Amino acid sequence: MMPDELQTLIEDATADYAVGDTSEALRKLAQATTAAPSSFEAWHALAEVSFSVRQLDEALRAAEHAHALQPDDVFINTTLSRIWMERGDKAKAEHFGAQAKIKSWKEQLKQG
């Protein structure tokens, strides 16, 4: 899959989710992650949509894939914190929440 096709697929899935067609969004994001397993954006979107419909195992699996690709991303650390909190693991939730804060502070320091 070409990068522009992948981006269009992720954007289409996001639009489907926005209008309430979660099953179509999940289908497209599964297609995106299969076609481009190194796409951080596809995995993160899959984590968020799965989390929104309380498919916590799938959300965690997708978030862990995204995190492996970009461990310094503030948003994926936040997503992991939210997932772990919903799963009842406060220690892991706090760990990823702290990581998100630290990474955010580092970005702020870089910007001046």
N, C-alpha and C. Protein backbone atom coordinates (compact mmCIF):
# COMPACT_ATOMS: atom_id res chain seq x y z
N MET A 1 0.86 -1.18 0.00
CA MET A 1 0.00 0.00 0.00
C MET A 1 0.90 1.23 0.00
N MET A 2 0.59 2.17 -0.86
CA MET A 2 1.36 3.41 -0.96
C MET A 2 1.03 4.31 0.24
N PRO A 3 1.98 5.16 0.65
CA PRO A 3 1.74 6.02 1.81
C PRO A 3 0.49 6.89 1.70
N ASP A 4 0.21 7.42 0.51
CA ASP A 4 -0.99 8.25 0.36
C ASP A 4 -2.27 7.42 0.46
N GLU A 5 -2.23 6.19 -0.01
CA GLU A 5 -3.38 5.29 0.13
C GLU A 5 -3.61 4.94 1.60
N LEU A 6 -2.53 4.70 2.30
CA LEU A 6 -2.63 4.39 3.73
C LEU A 6 -3.23 5.58 4.48
N GLN A 7 -2.73 6.77 4.20
CA GLN A 7 -3.24 7.97 4.86
C GLN A 7 -4.72 8.16 4.59
N THR A 8 -5.14 7.93 3.35
CA THR A 8 -6.55 8.05 2.98
C THR A 8 -7.39 7.02 3.74
N LEU A 9 -6.88 5.80 3.85
CA LEU A 9 -7.61 4.76 4.57
C LEU A 9 -7.78 5.12 6.05
N ILE A 10 -6.73 5.63 6.66
CA ILE A 10 -6.81 6.03 8.08
C ILE A 10 -7.79 7.21 8.23
N GLU A 11 -7.72 8.17 7.32
CA GLU A 11 -8.64 9.31 7.37
C GLU A 11 -10.08 8.87 7.16
N ASP A 12 -10.30 7.94 6.23
CA ASP A 12 -11.65 7.41 6.01
C ASP A 12 -12.16 6.70 7.26
N ALA A 13 -11.30 5.93 7.90
CA ALA A 13 -11.69 5.23 9.13
C ALA A 13 -12.04 6.24 10.22
N THR A 14 -11.27 7.29 10.31
CA THR A 14 -11.54 8.33 11.31
C THR A 14 -12.88 9.00 11.03
N ALA A 15 -13.16 9.25 9.77
CA ALA A 15 -14.45 9.84 9.39
C ALA A 15 -15.59 8.90 9.72
N ASP A 16 -15.42 7.61 9.44
CA ASP A 16 -16.44 6.62 9.78
C ASP A 16 -16.71 6.64 11.28
N TYR A 17 -15.65 6.67 12.06
CA TYR A 17 -15.80 6.71 13.51
C TYR A 17 -16.55 7.98 13.94
N ALA A 18 -16.20 9.10 13.34
CA ALA A 18 -16.81 10.38 13.70
C ALA A 18 -18.31 10.41 13.44
N VAL A 19 -18.76 9.68 12.43
CA VAL A 19 -20.19 9.65 12.14
C VAL A 19 -20.90 8.46 12.78
N GLY A 20 -20.16 7.72 13.62
CA GLY A 20 -20.79 6.65 14.38
C GLY A 20 -20.71 5.27 13.78
N ASP A 21 -19.98 5.10 12.68
CA ASP A 21 -19.85 3.79 12.06
C ASP A 21 -18.57 3.12 12.56
N THR A 22 -18.60 2.72 13.82
CA THR A 22 -17.42 2.17 14.48
C THR A 22 -16.97 0.87 13.83
N SER A 23 -17.90 0.02 13.45
CA SER A 23 -17.50 -1.26 12.86
C SER A 23 -16.74 -1.06 11.56
N GLU A 24 -17.17 -0.10 10.75
CA GLU A 24 -16.45 0.18 9.49
C GLU A 24 -15.09 0.81 9.79
N ALA A 25 -15.04 1.66 10.79
CA ALA A 25 -13.75 2.25 11.19
C ALA A 25 -12.78 1.17 11.63
N LEU A 26 -13.25 0.25 12.45
CA LEU A 26 -12.39 -0.84 12.92
C LEU A 26 -11.94 -1.73 11.76
N ARG A 27 -12.84 -1.99 10.82
CA ARG A 27 -12.48 -2.81 9.66
C ARG A 27 -11.37 -2.15 8.86
N LYS A 28 -11.52 -0.85 8.60
CA LYS A 28 -10.52 -0.12 7.81
C LYS A 28 -9.18 -0.03 8.55
N LEU A 29 -9.24 0.16 9.84
CA LEU A 29 -7.99 0.26 10.60
C LEU A 29 -7.30 -1.10 10.69
N ALA A 30 -8.06 -2.18 10.76
CA ALA A 30 -7.46 -3.51 10.71
C ALA A 30 -6.79 -3.73 9.36
N GLN A 31 -7.44 -3.27 8.31
CA GLN A 31 -6.86 -3.36 6.97
C GLN A 31 -5.57 -2.54 6.91
N ALA A 32 -5.58 -1.36 7.49
CA ALA A 32 -4.40 -0.49 7.47
C ALA A 32 -3.24 -1.11 8.23
N THR A 33 -3.51 -1.67 9.40
CA THR A 33 -2.42 -2.25 10.19
C THR A 33 -1.87 -3.53 9.56
N THR A 34 -2.72 -4.24 8.83
CA THR A 34 -2.26 -5.43 8.12
C THR A 34 -1.40 -5.03 6.93
N ALA A 35 -1.86 -4.02 6.19
CA ALA A 35 -1.13 -3.58 5.00
C ALA A 35 0.16 -2.83 5.35
N ALA A 36 0.15 -2.14 6.48
CA ALA A 36 1.31 -1.33 6.88
C ALA A 36 1.58 -1.51 8.37
N PRO A 37 2.15 -2.66 8.75
CA PRO A 37 2.35 -2.94 10.17
C PRO A 37 3.31 -1.98 10.88
N SER A 38 4.03 -1.17 10.13
CA SER A 38 4.93 -0.20 10.75
C SER A 38 4.32 1.20 10.83
N SER A 39 3.01 1.30 10.59
CA SER A 39 2.33 2.60 10.64
C SER A 39 1.88 2.92 12.06
N PHE A 40 2.60 3.82 12.69
CA PHE A 40 2.23 4.27 14.03
C PHE A 40 0.81 4.83 14.04
N GLU A 41 0.49 5.66 13.06
CA GLU A 41 -0.82 6.32 13.01
C GLU A 41 -1.96 5.30 12.94
N ALA A 42 -1.78 4.25 12.15
CA ALA A 42 -2.83 3.24 12.02
C ALA A 42 -3.03 2.49 13.35
N TRP A 43 -1.94 2.10 13.99
CA TRP A 43 -2.04 1.39 15.26
C TRP A 43 -2.64 2.27 16.34
N HIS A 44 -2.23 3.55 16.38
CA HIS A 44 -2.76 4.44 17.41
C HIS A 44 -4.26 4.67 17.19
N ALA A 45 -4.66 4.88 15.95
CA ALA A 45 -6.09 5.06 15.66
C ALA A 45 -6.88 3.81 16.05
N LEU A 46 -6.33 2.64 15.74
CA LEU A 46 -7.00 1.39 16.10
C LEU A 46 -7.13 1.28 17.62
N ALA A 47 -6.11 1.67 18.34
CA ALA A 47 -6.17 1.65 19.81
C ALA A 47 -7.27 2.56 20.33
N GLU A 48 -7.34 3.76 19.78
CA GLU A 48 -8.33 4.73 20.27
C GLU A 48 -9.77 4.30 19.95
N VAL A 49 -9.99 3.82 18.74
CA VAL A 49 -11.35 3.40 18.37
C VAL A 49 -11.74 2.15 19.17
N SER A 50 -10.83 1.22 19.32
CA SER A 50 -11.12 0.02 20.11
C SER A 50 -11.42 0.39 21.56
N PHE A 51 -10.65 1.32 22.10
CA PHE A 51 -10.88 1.77 23.47
C PHE A 51 -12.26 2.40 23.61
N SER A 52 -12.67 3.16 22.62
CA SER A 52 -13.96 3.86 22.69
C SER A 52 -15.14 2.92 22.76
N VAL A 53 -14.99 1.72 22.20
CA VAL A 53 -16.07 0.73 22.25
C VAL A 53 -15.79 -0.36 23.28
N ARG A 54 -14.87 -0.08 24.16
CA ARG A 54 -14.54 -0.94 25.29
C ARG A 54 -14.01 -2.31 24.90
N GLN A 55 -13.35 -2.38 23.74
CA GLN A 55 -12.63 -3.59 23.36
C GLN A 55 -11.21 -3.43 23.90
N LEU A 56 -11.09 -3.60 25.22
CA LEU A 56 -9.86 -3.25 25.90
C LEU A 56 -8.66 -4.12 25.53
N ASP A 57 -8.90 -5.40 25.27
CA ASP A 57 -7.78 -6.27 24.86
C ASP A 57 -7.23 -5.81 23.51
N GLU A 58 -8.11 -5.55 22.57
CA GLU A 58 -7.69 -5.08 21.25
C GLU A 58 -7.04 -3.70 21.35
N ALA A 59 -7.61 -2.84 22.18
CA ALA A 59 -7.04 -1.49 22.37
C ALA A 59 -5.62 -1.59 22.92
N LEU A 60 -5.42 -2.45 23.89
CA LEU A 60 -4.09 -2.62 24.48
C LEU A 60 -3.11 -3.18 23.46
N ARG A 61 -3.53 -4.18 22.74
CA ARG A 61 -2.66 -4.79 21.72
C ARG A 61 -2.23 -3.74 20.70
N ALA A 62 -3.17 -2.96 20.21
CA ALA A 62 -2.86 -1.94 19.20
C ALA A 62 -1.98 -0.83 19.80
N ALA A 63 -2.28 -0.42 21.02
CA ALA A 63 -1.49 0.63 21.67
C ALA A 63 -0.05 0.16 21.91
N GLU A 64 0.11 -1.09 22.28
CA GLU A 64 1.46 -1.61 22.49
C GLU A 64 2.25 -1.65 21.18
N HIS A 65 1.57 -1.97 20.08
CA HIS A 65 2.24 -1.92 18.77
C HIS A 65 2.68 -0.50 18.45
N ALA A 66 1.78 0.46 18.66
CA ALA A 66 2.10 1.86 18.38
C ALA A 66 3.25 2.32 19.27
N HIS A 67 3.21 1.96 20.54
CA HIS A 67 4.25 2.36 21.48
C HIS A 67 5.60 1.78 21.08
N ALA A 68 5.61 0.54 20.61
CA ALA A 68 6.87 -0.07 20.16
C ALA A 68 7.47 0.71 18.98
N LEU A 69 6.61 1.29 18.17
CA LEU A 69 7.07 2.06 17.02
C LEU A 69 7.55 3.46 17.40
N GLN A 70 6.87 4.09 18.35
CA GLN A 70 7.22 5.45 18.77
C GLN A 70 7.04 5.61 20.28
N PRO A 71 7.97 5.06 21.05
CA PRO A 71 7.81 5.08 22.50
C PRO A 71 7.86 6.48 23.12
N ASP A 72 8.39 7.46 22.40
CA ASP A 72 8.48 8.81 22.95
C ASP A 72 7.28 9.68 22.62
N ASP A 73 6.28 9.12 21.96
CA ASP A 73 5.09 9.90 21.62
C ASP A 73 4.24 10.14 22.86
N VAL A 74 3.92 11.39 23.10
CA VAL A 74 3.12 11.77 24.28
C VAL A 74 1.75 11.10 24.24
N PHE A 75 1.13 11.12 23.07
CA PHE A 75 -0.26 10.66 22.97
C PHE A 75 -0.40 9.15 23.15
N ILE A 76 0.54 8.37 22.66
CA ILE A 76 0.40 6.92 22.84
C ILE A 76 0.64 6.56 24.30
N ASN A 77 1.50 7.29 24.98
CA ASN A 77 1.68 7.05 26.41
C ASN A 77 0.41 7.40 27.18
N THR A 78 -0.26 8.46 26.77
CA THR A 78 -1.54 8.83 27.38
C THR A 78 -2.59 7.76 27.11
N THR A 79 -2.64 7.28 25.88
CA THR A 79 -3.58 6.22 25.53
C THR A 79 -3.34 4.98 26.38
N LEU A 80 -2.09 4.58 26.51
CA LEU A 80 -1.78 3.41 27.34
C LEU A 80 -2.18 3.64 28.79
N SER A 81 -1.98 4.84 29.29
CA SER A 81 -2.39 5.15 30.66
C SER A 81 -3.90 4.97 30.82
N ARG A 82 -4.67 5.47 29.88
CA ARG A 82 -6.12 5.36 29.94
C ARG A 82 -6.57 3.90 29.87
N ILE A 83 -5.94 3.14 28.98
CA ILE A 83 -6.31 1.72 28.83
C ILE A 83 -6.02 0.96 30.12
N TRP A 84 -4.82 1.16 30.69
CA TRP A 84 -4.48 0.44 31.91
C TRP A 84 -5.38 0.84 33.07
N MET A 85 -5.79 2.11 33.11
CA MET A 85 -6.70 2.54 34.17
C MET A 85 -8.03 1.80 34.04
N GLU A 86 -8.54 1.72 32.82
CA GLU A 86 -9.80 1.00 32.59
C GLU A 86 -9.68 -0.48 32.91
N ARG A 87 -8.50 -1.04 32.70
CA ARG A 87 -8.28 -2.45 33.00
C ARG A 87 -8.03 -2.68 34.49
N GLY A 88 -7.91 -1.61 35.25
CA GLY A 88 -7.78 -1.73 36.70
C GLY A 88 -6.36 -1.83 37.21
N ASP A 89 -5.38 -1.52 36.37
CA ASP A 89 -3.99 -1.58 36.81
C ASP A 89 -3.48 -0.16 37.02
N LYS A 90 -3.69 0.34 38.22
CA LYS A 90 -3.35 1.73 38.53
C LYS A 90 -1.85 1.99 38.39
N ALA A 91 -1.02 1.04 38.79
CA ALA A 91 0.43 1.23 38.72
C ALA A 91 0.90 1.43 37.28
N LYS A 92 0.41 0.59 36.37
CA LYS A 92 0.80 0.75 34.96
C LYS A 92 0.20 2.03 34.39
N ALA A 93 -1.01 2.35 34.79
CA ALA A 93 -1.63 3.59 34.31
C ALA A 93 -0.81 4.79 34.75
N GLU A 94 -0.39 4.79 35.99
CA GLU A 94 0.42 5.90 36.50
C GLU A 94 1.78 5.96 35.81
N HIS A 95 2.37 4.81 35.52
CA HIS A 95 3.65 4.77 34.82
C HIS A 95 3.55 5.47 33.46
N PHE A 96 2.55 5.07 32.67
CA PHE A 96 2.42 5.66 31.34
C PHE A 96 1.96 7.11 31.40
N GLY A 97 1.16 7.45 32.41
CA GLY A 97 0.78 8.84 32.60
C GLY A 97 1.98 9.71 32.91
N ALA A 98 2.87 9.20 33.76
CA ALA A 98 4.10 9.94 34.09
C ALA A 98 4.99 10.07 32.86
N GLN A 99 5.08 9.01 32.08
CA GLN A 99 5.88 9.07 30.85
C GLN A 99 5.35 10.15 29.90
N ALA A 100 4.04 10.22 29.79
CA ALA A 100 3.43 11.24 28.93
C ALA A 100 3.78 12.64 29.42
N LYS A 101 3.72 12.85 30.72
CA LYS A 101 4.05 14.17 31.27
C LYS A 101 5.51 14.52 31.03
N ILE A 102 6.40 13.58 31.28
CA ILE A 102 7.83 13.81 31.08
C ILE A 102 8.12 14.15 29.63
N LYS A 103 7.54 13.40 28.72
CA LYS A 103 7.76 13.63 27.29
C LYS A 103 7.19 14.98 26.85
N SER A 104 6.07 15.35 27.44
CA SER A 104 5.47 16.65 27.15
C SER A 104 6.37 17.78 27.64
N TRP A 105 6.92 17.63 28.83
CA TRP A 105 7.82 18.65 29.37
C TRP A 105 9.06 18.79 28.51
N LYS A 106 9.60 17.65 28.06
CA LYS A 106 10.78 17.69 27.19
C LYS A 106 10.49 18.45 25.91
N GLU A 107 9.30 18.22 25.35
CA GLU A 107 8.92 18.96 24.13
C GLU A 107 8.80 20.45 24.39
N GLN A 108 8.24 20.80 25.53
CA GLN A 108 8.11 22.22 25.88
C GLN A 108 9.48 22.86 26.04
N LEU A 109 10.42 22.15 26.64
CA LEU A 109 11.76 22.69 26.83
C LEU A 109 12.47 22.88 25.49
N LYS A 110 12.26 21.96 24.57
CA LYS A 110 12.86 22.08 23.23
C LYS A 110 12.34 23.32 22.49
N GLN A 111 11.07 23.64 22.72
CA GLN A 111 10.45 24.76 22.02
C GLN A 111 10.81 26.10 22.63
N GLY A 112 11.46 26.08 23.76
CA GLY A 112 11.92 27.33 24.34
C GLY A 112 11.16 27.69 25.54
